[in-house]
Each structure stands twice: as C-alpha cells, then as structure tokens.
C-alpha cells in the first residue's frame, strides 16, 4: 500500500456542530459498521458521553474506502483501478471547551502521522 492511499484527519468544531454525526455517516458510507449495528454517536462508547449527549474522549477509527468509478487515481493514472482504495484514519474530537486537551492531543497525533 502506498502512502498516497492513506488519509489521516480529525473532525474539529464547536460543541453541537455535528462532528459525531458526520463520523457516523462516514462509518456508514465506508461500511465499517453494518446498518444493523449502527447507532447514533457510535464512536461515543463512554457511558457518560452517551448520557450527556456530548463527546468527552477522542475516538479514533480506521476505515477502508473504495471510491466509485470513475474517480481520479491517487497514482495519477486516470480512472481508479478496481483494487485501489484509501485507508481513512479519523479522529472524532470533543467540541466542549472543557475537553480541549483532547483536541490538542488529536492535532499532535495528526501532525505526527
């Protein structure tokens, strides 16, 4: 696998701006989690996060994404080959200011990757 096929990113925004909802949609789109097992704020597995309805701890996840054809290939050969895919390393972060240390840790992780 080529480095060109790896994407490391974090979703960072204010509280209640849809970070975890966007993460859920990406999990669904990439078929990382089946529809049967999917639940709202899937990455918020902490019971306190679920109870309060906010992300408290960062949540990393790795997804595999195969783009639909026709899409430009990361190799620059035009259309994507059938065996080409991307590894998406996502970190969902808290938005509440009280948990900003988690965001700082996330930025350091993405920068160092």
PDB file of N, CA and C in Angstrom:
ATOM      1  N   UNK A   1       0.839  -1.180   0.000  1.00  0.00           N
ATOM      2  CA  UNK A   1       0.000   0.000   0.000  1.00  0.00           C
ATOM      3  C   UNK A   1       0.885   1.243   0.000  1.00  0.00           C
ATOM      4  N   UNK A   2       0.496   2.183  -0.797  1.00  0.00           N
ATOM      5  CA  UNK A   2       1.240   3.427  -0.950  1.00  0.00           C
ATOM      6  C   UNK A   2       0.789   4.457   0.087  1.00  0.00           C
ATOM      7  N   UNK A   3       1.720   5.318   0.485  1.00  0.00           N
ATOM      8  CA  UNK A   3       1.383   6.423   1.390  1.00  0.00           C
ATOM      9  C   UNK A   3       0.313   7.326   0.772  1.00  0.00           C
ATOM     10  N   UNK A   4       0.259   7.348  -0.562  1.00  0.00           N
ATOM     11  CA  UNK A   4      -0.722   8.182  -1.255  1.00  0.00           C
ATOM     12  C   UNK A   4      -2.154   7.717  -1.000  1.00  0.00           C
ATOM     13  N   UNK A   5      -2.298   6.505  -0.518  1.00  0.00           N
ATOM     14  CA  UNK A   5      -3.632   5.952  -0.289  1.00  0.00           C
ATOM     15  C   UNK A   5      -4.081   6.086   1.165  1.00  0.00           C
ATOM     16  N   UNK A   6      -3.280   6.744   2.002  1.00  0.00           N
ATOM     17  CA  UNK A   6      -3.616   6.898   3.419  1.00  0.00           C
ATOM     18  C   UNK A   6      -3.995   8.344   3.693  1.00  0.00           C
ATOM     19  N   UNK A   7      -5.106   8.528   4.374  1.00  0.00           N
ATOM     20  CA  UNK A   7      -5.570   9.860   4.761  1.00  0.00           C
ATOM     21  C   UNK A   7      -5.760   9.885   6.274  1.00  0.00           C
ATOM     22  N   UNK A   8      -5.060  10.781   6.948  1.00  0.00           N
ATOM     23  CA  UNK A   8      -5.205  10.973   8.390  1.00  0.00           C
ATOM     24  C   UNK A   8      -5.896  12.315   8.608  1.00  0.00           C
ATOM     25  N   UNK A   9      -7.006  12.309   9.330  1.00  0.00           N
ATOM     26  CA  UNK A   9      -7.711  13.564   9.556  1.00  0.00           C
ATOM     27  C   UNK A   9      -8.526  13.513  10.837  1.00  0.00           C
ATOM     28  N   UNK A  10      -8.836  14.696  11.326  1.00  0.00           N
ATOM     29  CA  UNK A  10      -9.654  14.839  12.531  1.00  0.00           C
ATOM     30  C   UNK A  10     -10.827  15.759  12.211  1.00  0.00           C
ATOM     31  N   UNK A  11     -11.904  15.529  12.907  1.00  0.00           N
ATOM     32  CA  UNK A  11     -13.062  16.408  12.788  1.00  0.00           C
ATOM     33  C   UNK A  11     -13.079  17.269  14.046  1.00  0.00           C
ATOM     34  N   UNK A  12     -12.874  18.571  13.844  1.00  0.00           N
ATOM     35  CA  UNK A  12     -12.767  19.509  14.963  1.00  0.00           C
ATOM     36  C   UNK A  12     -13.735  20.664  14.723  1.00  0.00           C
ATOM     37  N   UNK A  13     -14.591  20.927  15.703  1.00  0.00           N
ATOM     38  CA  UNK A  13     -15.543  22.044  15.619  1.00  0.00           C
ATOM     39  C   UNK A  13     -16.113  22.285  17.013  1.00  0.00           C
ATOM     40  N   UNK A  14     -16.928  23.326  17.125  1.00  0.00           N
ATOM     41  CA  UNK A  14     -17.564  23.647  18.397  1.00  0.00           C
ATOM     42  C   UNK A  14     -18.564  22.561  18.781  1.00  0.00           C
ATOM     43  N   UNK A  15     -18.961  22.582  20.035  1.00  0.00           N
ATOM     44  CA  UNK A  15     -19.936  21.626  20.546  1.00  0.00           C
ATOM     45  C   UNK A  15     -21.244  21.750  19.749  1.00  0.00           C
ATOM     46  N   UNK A  16     -21.886  20.619  19.510  1.00  0.00           N
ATOM     47  CA  UNK A  16     -23.173  20.545  18.799  1.00  0.00           C
ATOM     48  C   UNK A  16     -23.126  21.053  17.363  1.00  0.00           C
ATOM     49  N   UNK A  17     -22.012  20.838  16.688  1.00  0.00           N
ATOM     50  CA  UNK A  17     -21.918  21.209  15.276  1.00  0.00           C
ATOM     51  C   UNK A  17     -21.906  19.988  14.357  1.00  0.00           C
ATOM     52  N   UNK A  18     -22.171  18.787  14.895  1.00  0.00           N
ATOM     53  CA  UNK A  18     -22.351  17.607  14.057  1.00  0.00           C
ATOM     54  C   UNK A  18     -21.113  16.773  13.791  1.00  0.00           C
ATOM     55  N   UNK A  19     -20.082  16.895  14.620  1.00  0.00           N
ATOM     56  CA  UNK A  19     -18.854  16.114  14.410  1.00  0.00           C
ATOM     57  C   UNK A  19     -19.119  14.615  14.497  1.00  0.00           C
ATOM     58  N   UNK A  20     -19.780  14.199  15.551  1.00  0.00           N
ATOM     59  CA  UNK A  20     -20.054  12.770  15.730  1.00  0.00           C
ATOM     60  C   UNK A  20     -21.057  12.265  14.704  1.00  0.00           C
ATOM     61  N   UNK A  21     -21.997  13.102  14.311  1.00  0.00           N
ATOM     62  CA  UNK A  21     -22.961  12.726  13.276  1.00  0.00           C
ATOM     63  C   UNK A  21     -22.249  12.512  11.944  1.00  0.00           C
ATOM     64  N   UNK A  22     -21.316  13.410  11.616  1.00  0.00           N
ATOM     65  CA  UNK A  22     -20.526  13.250  10.393  1.00  0.00           C
ATOM     66  C   UNK A  22     -19.687  11.975  10.464  1.00  0.00           C
ATOM     67  N   UNK A  23     -19.097  11.714  11.624  1.00  0.00           N
ATOM     68  CA  UNK A  23     -18.321  10.478  11.803  1.00  0.00           C
ATOM     69  C   UNK A  23     -19.198   9.254  11.575  1.00  0.00           C
ATOM     70  N   UNK A  24     -20.408   9.288  12.117  1.00  0.00           N
ATOM     71  CA  UNK A  24     -21.356   8.183  11.915  1.00  0.00           C
ATOM     72  C   UNK A  24     -21.635   7.960  10.431  1.00  0.00           C
ATOM     73  N   UNK A  25     -21.844   9.042   9.696  1.00  0.00           N
ATOM     74  CA  UNK A  25     -22.129   8.912   8.262  1.00  0.00           C
ATOM     75  C   UNK A  25     -20.933   8.338   7.522  1.00  0.00           C
ATOM     76  N   UNK A  26     -19.722   8.720   7.909  1.00  0.00           N
ATOM     77  CA  UNK A  26     -18.528   8.159   7.272  1.00  0.00           C
ATOM     78  C   UNK A  26     -18.391   6.668   7.576  1.00  0.00           C
ATOM     79  N   UNK A  27     -18.699   6.267   8.801  1.00  0.00           N
ATOM     80  CA  UNK A  27     -18.677   4.843   9.157  1.00  0.00           C
ATOM     81  C   UNK A  27     -19.679   4.068   8.308  1.00  0.00           C
ATOM     82  N   UNK A  28     -20.830   4.676   8.077  1.00  0.00           N
ATOM     83  CA  UNK A  28     -21.872   4.053   7.266  1.00  0.00           C
ATOM     84  C   UNK A  28     -21.459   3.991   5.793  1.00  0.00           C
ATOM     85  N   UNK A  29     -20.958   5.095   5.263  1.00  0.00           N
ATOM     86  CA  UNK A  29     -20.553   5.188   3.862  1.00  0.00           C
ATOM     87  C   UNK A  29     -19.464   4.176   3.521  1.00  0.00           C
ATOM     88  N   UNK A  30     -18.514   3.997   4.423  1.00  0.00           N
ATOM     89  CA  UNK A  30     -17.397   3.079   4.177  1.00  0.00           C
ATOM     90  C   UNK A  30     -17.731   1.642   4.561  1.00  0.00           C
ATOM     91  N   UNK A  31     -18.926   1.436   5.075  1.00  0.00           N
ATOM     92  CA  UNK A  31     -19.373   0.100   5.506  1.00  0.00           C
ATOM     93  C   UNK A  31     -18.471  -0.481   6.593  1.00  0.00           C
ATOM     94  N   UNK A  32     -17.909   0.400   7.416  1.00  0.00           N
ATOM     95  CA  UNK A  32     -17.090  -0.031   8.552  1.00  0.00           C
ATOM     96  C   UNK A  32     -17.979  -0.664   9.612  1.00  0.00           C
ATOM     97  N   UNK A  33     -19.160  -0.105   9.783  1.00  0.00           N
ATOM     98  CA  UNK A  33     -20.151  -0.622  10.723  1.00  0.00           C
ATOM     99  C   UNK A  33     -21.403  -0.967   9.928  1.00  0.00           C
ATOM    100  N   UNK A  34     -21.934  -2.156  10.160  1.00  0.00           N
ATOM    101  CA  UNK A  34     -23.144  -2.557   9.439  1.00  0.00           C
ATOM    102  C   UNK A  34     -24.340  -1.739   9.928  1.00  0.00           C
ATOM    103  N   UNK A  35     -25.335  -1.604   9.076  1.00  0.00           N
ATOM    104  CA  UNK A  35     -26.533  -0.830   9.438  1.00  0.00           C
ATOM    105  C   UNK A  35     -27.223  -1.413  10.667  1.00  0.00           C
ATOM    106  N   UNK A  36     -27.135  -2.725  10.837  1.00  0.00           N
ATOM    107  CA  UNK A  36     -27.771  -3.375  11.987  1.00  0.00           C
ATOM    108  C   UNK A  36     -27.109  -2.964  13.300  1.00  0.00           C
ATOM    109  N   UNK A  37     -25.798  -2.757  13.276  1.00  0.00           N
ATOM    110  CA  UNK A  37     -25.064  -2.410  14.496  1.00  0.00           C
ATOM    111  C   UNK A  37     -24.948  -0.904  14.708  1.00  0.00           C
ATOM    112  N   UNK A  38     -25.330  -0.135  13.701  1.00  0.00           N
ATOM    113  CA  UNK A  38     -25.182   1.320  13.770  1.00  0.00           C
ATOM    114  C   UNK A  38     -26.149   1.915  14.778  1.00  0.00           C
ATOM    115  N   UNK A  39     -25.664   2.867  15.537  1.00  0.00           N
ATOM    116  CA  UNK A  39     -26.484   3.630  16.477  1.00  0.00           C
ATOM    117  C   UNK A  39     -25.973   5.064  16.487  1.00  0.00           C
ATOM    118  N   UNK A  40     -26.788   5.990  16.971  1.00  0.00           N
ATOM    119  CA  UNK A  40     -26.362   7.391  17.000  1.00  0.00           C
ATOM    120  C   UNK A  40     -25.114   7.541  17.855  1.00  0.00           C
ATOM    121  N   UNK A  41     -24.239   8.439  17.419  1.00  0.00           N
ATOM    122  CA  UNK A  41     -22.968   8.694  18.094  1.00  0.00           C
ATOM    123  C   UNK A  41     -22.261   7.372  18.411  1.00  0.00           C
ATOM    124  N   UNK A  42     -22.056   6.582  17.383  1.00  0.00           N
ATOM    125  CA  UNK A  42     -21.473   5.249  17.534  1.00  0.00           C
ATOM    126  C   UNK A  42     -20.115   5.296  18.223  1.00  0.00           C
ATOM    127  N   UNK A  43     -19.307   6.290  17.915  1.00  0.00           N
ATOM    128  CA  UNK A  43     -17.958   6.359  18.479  1.00  0.00           C
ATOM    129  C   UNK A  43     -17.944   6.792  19.941  1.00  0.00           C
ATOM    130  N   UNK A  44     -19.036   7.353  20.432  1.00  0.00           N
ATOM    131  CA  UNK A  44     -19.126   7.747  21.842  1.00  0.00           C
ATOM    132  C   UNK A  44     -19.559   6.543  22.673  1.00  0.00           C
ATOM    133  N   UNK A  45     -18.628   5.659  22.971  1.00  0.00           N
ATOM    134  CA  UNK A  45     -18.950   4.447  23.722  1.00  0.00           C
ATOM    135  C   UNK A  45     -18.907   4.663  25.235  1.00  0.00           C
ATOM    136  N   UNK A  46     -18.333   5.783  25.668  1.00  0.00           N
ATOM    137  CA  UNK A  46     -18.271   6.123  27.080  1.00  0.00           C
ATOM    138  C   UNK A  46     -19.696   6.375  27.598  1.00  0.00           C
ATOM    139  N   UNK A  47     -20.103   5.698  28.691  1.00  0.00           N
ATOM    140  CA  UNK A  47     -21.474   5.877  29.201  1.00  0.00           C
ATOM    141  C   UNK A  47     -21.803   7.329  29.572  1.00  0.00           C
ATOM    142  N   UNK A  48     -20.824   8.057  30.080  1.00  0.00           N
ATOM    143  CA  UNK A  48     -21.066   9.457  30.447  1.00  0.00           C
ATOM    144  C   UNK A  48     -21.310  10.291  29.189  1.00  0.00           C
ATOM    145  N   UNK A  49     -20.559  10.006  28.122  1.00  0.00           N
ATOM    146  CA  UNK A  49     -20.773  10.705  26.847  1.00  0.00           C
ATOM    147  C   UNK A  49     -22.180  10.454  26.335  1.00  0.00           C
ATOM    148  N   UNK A  50     -22.618   9.221  26.409  1.00  0.00           N
ATOM    149  CA  UNK A  50     -23.956   8.873  25.924  1.00  0.00           C
ATOM    150  C   UNK A  50     -25.035   9.547  26.773  1.00  0.00           C
ATOM    151  N   UNK A  51     -24.821   9.546  28.085  1.00  0.00           N
ATOM    152  CA  UNK A  51     -25.793  10.146  28.998  1.00  0.00           C
ATOM    153  C   UNK A  51     -25.916  11.657  28.768  1.00  0.00           C
ATOM    154  N   UNK A  52     -24.784  12.333  28.605  1.00  0.00           N
ATOM    155  CA  UNK A  52     -24.777  13.795  28.442  1.00  0.00           C
ATOM    156  C   UNK A  52     -25.001  14.236  26.998  1.00  0.00           C
ATOM    157  N   UNK A  53     -24.829  13.310  26.057  1.00  0.00           N
ATOM    158  CA  UNK A  53     -25.038  13.640  24.651  1.00  0.00           C
ATOM    159  C   UNK A  53     -23.926  14.462  24.035  1.00  0.00           C
ATOM    160  N   UNK A  54     -22.730  14.409  24.644  1.00  0.00           N
ATOM    161  CA  UNK A  54     -21.571  15.119  24.097  1.00  0.00           C
ATOM    162  C   UNK A  54     -20.363  14.193  24.111  1.00  0.00           C
ATOM    163  N   UNK A  55     -19.446  14.415  23.192  1.00  0.00           N
ATOM    164  CA  UNK A  55     -18.210  13.639  23.157  1.00  0.00           C
ATOM    165  C   UNK A  55     -17.281  14.157  24.241  1.00  0.00           C
ATOM    166  N   UNK A  56     -16.732  13.243  25.045  1.00  0.00           N
ATOM    167  CA  UNK A  56     -15.812  13.619  26.119  1.00  0.00           C
ATOM    168  C   UNK A  56     -14.392  13.187  25.784  1.00  0.00           C
ATOM    169  N   UNK A  57     -14.238  12.002  25.225  1.00  0.00           N
ATOM    170  CA  UNK A  57     -12.923  11.473  24.851  1.00  0.00           C
ATOM    171  C   UNK A  57     -12.821  11.388  23.335  1.00  0.00           C
ATOM    172  N   UNK A  58     -11.628  11.629  22.821  1.00  0.00           N
ATOM    173  CA  UNK A  58     -11.429  11.468  21.381  1.00  0.00           C
ATOM    174  C   UNK A  58     -11.682  10.016  20.998  1.00  0.00           C
ATOM    175  N   UNK A  59     -12.080   9.804  19.774  1.00  0.00           N
ATOM    176  CA  UNK A  59     -12.411   8.462  19.299  1.00  0.00           C
ATOM    177  C   UNK A  59     -11.750   8.225  17.942  1.00  0.00           C
ATOM    178  N   UNK A  60     -10.667   7.436  17.928  1.00  0.00           N
ATOM    179  CA  UNK A  60     -10.025   7.126  16.646  1.00  0.00           C
ATOM    180  C   UNK A  60     -10.694   5.932  15.971  1.00  0.00           C
ATOM    181  N   UNK A  61     -10.700   5.945  14.644  1.00  0.00           N
ATOM    182  CA  UNK A  61     -11.248   4.820  13.889  1.00  0.00           C
ATOM    183  C   UNK A  61     -10.542   4.749  12.536  1.00  0.00           C
ATOM    184  N   UNK A  62     -10.326   3.535  12.057  1.00  0.00           N
ATOM    185  CA  UNK A  62      -9.741   3.311  10.728  1.00  0.00           C
ATOM    186  C   UNK A  62     -10.822   2.743   9.824  1.00  0.00           C
ATOM    187  N   UNK A  63     -10.929   3.339   8.641  1.00  0.00           N
ATOM    188  CA  UNK A  63     -11.938   2.912   7.674  1.00  0.00           C
ATOM    189  C   UNK A  63     -11.258   2.633   6.338  1.00  0.00           C
ATOM    190  N   UNK A  64     -11.843   1.752   5.558  1.00  0.00           N
ATOM    191  CA  UNK A  64     -11.373   1.492   4.201  1.00  0.00           C
ATOM    192  C   UNK A  64     -12.425   2.026   3.246  1.00  0.00           C
ATOM    193  N   UNK A  65     -11.970   2.829   2.293  1.00  0.00           N
ATOM    194  CA  UNK A  65     -12.896   3.435   1.343  1.00  0.00           C
ATOM    195  C   UNK A  65     -12.463   3.116  -0.074  1.00  0.00           C
ATOM    196  N   UNK A  66     -13.347   2.495  -0.829  1.00  0.00           N
ATOM    197  CA  UNK A  66     -13.110   2.228  -2.249  1.00  0.00           C
ATOM    198  C   UNK A  66     -13.991   3.194  -3.029  1.00  0.00           C
ATOM    199  N   UNK A  67     -13.380   4.170  -3.712  1.00  0.00           N
ATOM    200  CA  UNK A  67     -14.194   5.157  -4.427  1.00  0.00           C
ATOM    201  C   UNK A  67     -14.935   4.530  -5.597  1.00  0.00           C
ATOM    202  N   UNK A  68     -16.142   5.019  -5.859  1.00  0.00           N
ATOM    203  CA  UNK A  68     -16.862   4.532  -7.033  1.00  0.00           C
ATOM    204  C   UNK A  68     -16.182   5.042  -8.295  1.00  0.00           C
ATOM    205  N   UNK A  69     -16.254   4.303  -9.361  1.00  0.00           N
ATOM    206  CA  UNK A  69     -15.661   4.738 -10.631  1.00  0.00           C
ATOM    207  C   UNK A  69     -16.608   5.722 -11.294  1.00  0.00           C
ATOM    208  N   UNK A  70     -16.207   6.627 -12.127  1.00  0.00           N
ATOM    209  CA  UNK A  70     -14.816   6.972 -12.390  1.00  0.00           C
ATOM    210  C   UNK A  70     -14.328   8.054 -11.423  1.00  0.00           C
ATOM    211  N   UNK A  71     -13.180   7.836 -10.846  1.00  0.00           N
ATOM    212  CA  UNK A  71     -12.532   8.774  -9.937  1.00  0.00           C
ATOM    213  C   UNK A  71     -11.067   8.811 -10.295  1.00  0.00           C
ATOM    214  N   UNK A  72     -10.444   9.944 -10.165  1.00  0.00           N
ATOM    215  CA  UNK A  72      -9.011  10.023 -10.430  1.00  0.00           C
ATOM    216  C   UNK A  72      -8.263   9.140  -9.456  1.00  0.00           C
ATOM    217  N   UNK A  73      -7.298   8.453  -9.950  1.00  0.00           N
ATOM    218  CA  UNK A  73      -6.491   7.543  -9.158  1.00  0.00           C
ATOM    219  C   UNK A  73      -5.435   8.310  -8.373  1.00  0.00           C
ATOM    220  N   UNK A  74      -5.105   7.853  -7.140  1.00  0.00           N
ATOM    221  CA  UNK A  74      -4.027   8.500  -6.399  1.00  0.00           C
ATOM    222  C   UNK A  74      -2.680   8.324  -7.099  1.00  0.00           C
ATOM    223  N   UNK A  75      -2.584   7.328  -7.975  1.00  0.00           N
ATOM    224  CA  UNK A  75      -1.336   7.093  -8.701  1.00  0.00           C
ATOM    225  C   UNK A  75      -1.210   8.015  -9.908  1.00  0.00           C
ATOM    226  N   UNK A  76      -2.285   8.754 -10.225  1.00  0.00           N
ATOM    227  CA  UNK A  76      -2.245   9.690 -11.339  1.00  0.00           C
ATOM    228  C   UNK A  76      -2.447   9.039 -12.694  1.00  0.00           C
ATOM    229  N   UNK A  77      -2.956   7.816 -12.727  1.00  0.00           N
ATOM    230  CA  UNK A  77      -3.134   7.084 -13.985  1.00  0.00           C
ATOM    231  C   UNK A  77      -4.508   7.292 -14.592  1.00  0.00           C
ATOM    232  N   UNK A  78      -5.257   8.257 -14.149  1.00  0.00           N
ATOM    233  CA  UNK A  78      -6.599   8.458 -14.691  1.00  0.00           C
ATOM    234  C   UNK A  78      -7.640   7.846 -13.790  1.00  0.00           C
ATOM    235  N   UNK A  79      -8.452   6.941 -14.319  1.00  0.00           N
ATOM    236  CA  UNK A  79      -9.505   6.309 -13.531  1.00  0.00           C
ATOM    237  C   UNK A  79      -8.904   5.381 -12.479  1.00  0.00           C
ATOM    238  N   UNK A  80      -9.613   5.272 -11.357  1.00  0.00           N
ATOM    239  CA  UNK A  80      -9.159   4.398 -10.279  1.00  0.00           C
ATOM    240  C   UNK A  80      -9.266   2.942 -10.711  1.00  0.00           C
ATOM    241  N   UNK A  81      -8.279   2.178 -10.364  1.00  0.00           N
ATOM    242  CA  UNK A  81      -8.300   0.743 -10.627  1.00  0.00           C
ATOM    243  C   UNK A  81      -9.241   0.083  -9.622  1.00  0.00           C
ATOM    244  N   UNK A  82      -9.733  -1.102  -9.959  1.00  0.00           N
ATOM    245  CA  UNK A  82     -10.654  -1.796  -9.067  1.00  0.00           C
ATOM    246  C   UNK A  82     -10.041  -2.092  -7.714  1.00  0.00           C
ATOM    247  N   UNK A  83      -8.735  -2.372  -7.684  1.00  0.00           N
ATOM    248  CA  UNK A  83      -8.093  -2.744  -6.432  1.00  0.00           C
ATOM    249  C   UNK A  83      -7.587  -1.534  -5.649  1.00  0.00           C
ATOM    250  N   UNK A  84      -7.839  -0.321  -6.132  1.00  0.00           N
ATOM    251  CA  UNK A  84      -7.386   0.857  -5.413  1.00  0.00           C
ATOM    252  C   UNK A  84      -8.413   1.263  -4.368  1.00  0.00           C
ATOM    253  N   UNK A  85      -7.917   1.609  -3.217  1.00  0.00           N
ATOM    254  CA  UNK A  85      -8.760   2.029  -2.119  1.00  0.00           C
ATOM    255  C   UNK A  85      -7.958   2.972  -1.238  1.00  0.00           C
ATOM    256  N   UNK A  86      -8.640   3.592  -0.303  1.00  0.00           N
ATOM    257  CA  UNK A  86      -7.999   4.504   0.633  1.00  0.00           C
ATOM    258  C   UNK A  86      -8.188   3.991   2.053  1.00  0.00           C
ATOM    259  N   UNK A  87      -7.179   4.177   2.873  1.00  0.00           N
ATOM    260  CA  UNK A  87      -7.297   3.954   4.305  1.00  0.00           C
ATOM    261  C   UNK A  87      -7.547   5.323   4.920  1.00  0.00           C
ATOM    262  N   UNK A  88      -8.665   5.468   5.608  1.00  0.00           N
ATOM    263  CA  UNK A  88      -9.027   6.722   6.257  1.00  0.00           C
ATOM    264  C   UNK A  88      -8.865   6.557   7.761  1.00  0.00           C
ATOM    265  N   UNK A  89      -7.939   7.283   8.344  1.00  0.00           N
ATOM    266  CA  UNK A  89      -7.739   7.282   9.789  1.00  0.00           C
ATOM    267  C   UNK A  89      -8.370   8.552  10.344  1.00  0.00           C
ATOM    268  N   UNK A  90      -9.495   8.387  11.006  1.00  0.00           N
ATOM    269  CA  UNK A  90     -10.289   9.506  11.502  1.00  0.00           C
ATOM    270  C   UNK A  90     -10.208   9.582  13.016  1.00  0.00           C
ATOM    271  N   UNK A  91     -10.155  10.812  13.539  1.00  0.00           N
ATOM    272  CA  UNK A  91     -10.289  11.025  14.977  1.00  0.00           C
ATOM    273  C   UNK A  91     -11.442  11.996  15.187  1.00  0.00           C
ATOM    274  N   UNK A  92     -12.472  11.520  15.890  1.00  0.00           N
ATOM    275  CA  UNK A  92     -13.602  12.367  16.272  1.00  0.00           C
ATOM    276  C   UNK A  92     -13.231  13.012  17.603  1.00  0.00           C
ATOM    277  N   UNK A  93     -13.415  14.323  17.716  1.00  0.00           N
ATOM    278  CA  UNK A  93     -12.971  15.049  18.906  1.00  0.00           C
ATOM    279  C   UNK A  93     -14.143  15.672  19.655  1.00  0.00           C
ATOM    280  N   UNK A  94     -13.928  15.954  20.952  1.00  0.00           N
ATOM    281  CA  UNK A  94     -14.946  16.688  21.701  1.00  0.00           C
ATOM    282  C   UNK A  94     -15.009  18.138  21.230  1.00  0.00           C
ATOM    283  N   UNK A  95     -16.158  18.762  21.368  1.00  0.00           N
ATOM    284  CA  UNK A  95     -16.292  20.157  20.980  1.00  0.00           C
ATOM    285  C   UNK A  95     -16.373  21.100  22.167  1.00  0.00           C
ATOM    286  N   UNK A  96     -16.665  20.549  23.338  1.00  0.00           N
ATOM    287  CA  UNK A  96     -16.815  21.382  24.528  1.00  0.00           C
ATOM    288  C   UNK A  96     -15.456  21.873  24.996  1.00  0.00           C
ATOM    289  N   UNK A  97     -15.382  23.133  25.366  1.00  0.00           N
ATOM    290  CA  UNK A  97     -14.117  23.759  25.762  1.00  0.00           C
ATOM    291  C   UNK A  97     -13.467  23.046  26.951  1.00  0.00           C
ATOM    292  N   UNK A  98     -14.252  22.421  27.814  1.00  0.00           N
ATOM    293  CA  UNK A  98     -13.694  21.716  28.973  1.00  0.00           C
ATOM    294  C   UNK A  98     -12.830  20.525  28.572  1.00  0.00           C
ATOM    295  N   UNK A  99     -12.976  20.056  27.338  1.00  0.00           N
ATOM    296  CA  UNK A  99     -12.219  18.888  26.887  1.00  0.00           C
ATOM    297  C   UNK A  99     -11.236  19.247  25.780  1.00  0.00           C
ATOM    298  N   UNK A 100     -10.787  20.488  25.756  1.00  0.00           N
ATOM    299  CA  UNK A 100      -9.888  20.958  24.692  1.00  0.00           C
ATOM    300  C   UNK A 100      -8.544  20.235  24.697  1.00  0.00           C
ATOM    301  N   UNK A 101      -8.128  19.675  25.835  1.00  0.00           N
ATOM    302  CA  UNK A 101      -6.885  18.898  25.872  1.00  0.00           C
ATOM    303  C   UNK A 101      -6.964  17.702  24.935  1.00  0.00           C
ATOM    304  N   UNK A 102      -8.154  17.137  24.756  1.00  0.00           N
ATOM    305  CA  UNK A 102      -8.323  16.014  23.831  1.00  0.00           C
ATOM    306  C   UNK A 102      -8.091  16.477  22.391  1.00  0.00           C
ATOM    307  N   UNK A 103      -8.529  17.683  22.075  1.00  0.00           N
ATOM    308  CA  UNK A 103      -8.323  18.243  20.737  1.00  0.00           C
ATOM    309  C   UNK A 103      -6.833  18.478  20.505  1.00  0.00           C
ATOM    310  N   UNK A 104      -6.133  18.993  21.511  1.00  0.00           N
ATOM    311  CA  UNK A 104      -4.681  19.218  21.399  1.00  0.00           C
ATOM    312  C   UNK A 104      -3.949  17.912  21.126  1.00  0.00           C
ATOM    313  N   UNK A 105      -4.332  16.862  21.818  1.00  0.00           N
ATOM    314  CA  UNK A 105      -3.715  15.544  21.599  1.00  0.00           C
ATOM    315  C   UNK A 105      -3.994  15.049  20.186  1.00  0.00           C
ATOM    316  N   UNK A 106      -5.199  15.297  19.701  1.00  0.00           N
ATOM    317  CA  UNK A 106      -5.579  14.876  18.351  1.00  0.00           C
ATOM    318  C   UNK A 106      -4.752  15.590  17.301  1.00  0.00           C
ATOM    319  N   UNK A 107      -4.602  16.905  17.446  1.00  0.00           N
ATOM    320  CA  UNK A 107      -3.812  17.673  16.485  1.00  0.00           C
ATOM    321  C   UNK A 107      -2.373  17.182  16.451  1.00  0.00           C
ATOM    322  N   UNK A 108      -1.812  16.878  17.608  1.00  0.00           N
ATOM    323  CA  UNK A 108      -0.442  16.356  17.662  1.00  0.00           C
ATOM    324  C   UNK A 108      -0.351  15.006  16.958  1.00  0.00           C
ATOM    325  N   UNK A 109      -1.355  14.168  17.139  1.00  0.00           N
ATOM    326  CA  UNK A 109      -1.353  12.847  16.500  1.00  0.00           C
ATOM    327  C   UNK A 109      -1.439  12.969  14.985  1.00  0.00           C
ATOM    328  N   UNK A 110      -2.309  13.836  14.495  1.00  0.00           N
ATOM    329  CA  UNK A 110      -2.455  14.011  13.045  1.00  0.00           C
ATOM    330  C   UNK A 110      -1.208  14.639  12.437  1.00  0.00           C
ATOM    331  N   UNK A 111      -0.620  15.584  13.145  1.00  0.00           N
ATOM    332  CA  UNK A 111       0.569  16.260  12.647  1.00  0.00           C
ATOM    333  C   UNK A 111       1.752  15.302  12.564  1.00  0.00           C
ATOM    334  N   UNK A 112       1.825  14.380  13.515  1.00  0.00           N
ATOM    335  CA  UNK A 112       2.945  13.443  13.550  1.00  0.00           C
ATOM    336  C   UNK A 112       2.773  12.239  12.654  1.00  0.00           C
ATOM    337  N   UNK A 113       1.587  12.047  12.111  1.00  0.00           N
ATOM    338  CA  UNK A 113       1.325  10.854  11.290  1.00  0.00           C
ATOM    339  C   UNK A 113       1.907  11.000   9.905  1.00  0.00           C
TER     340      UNK A 113
END
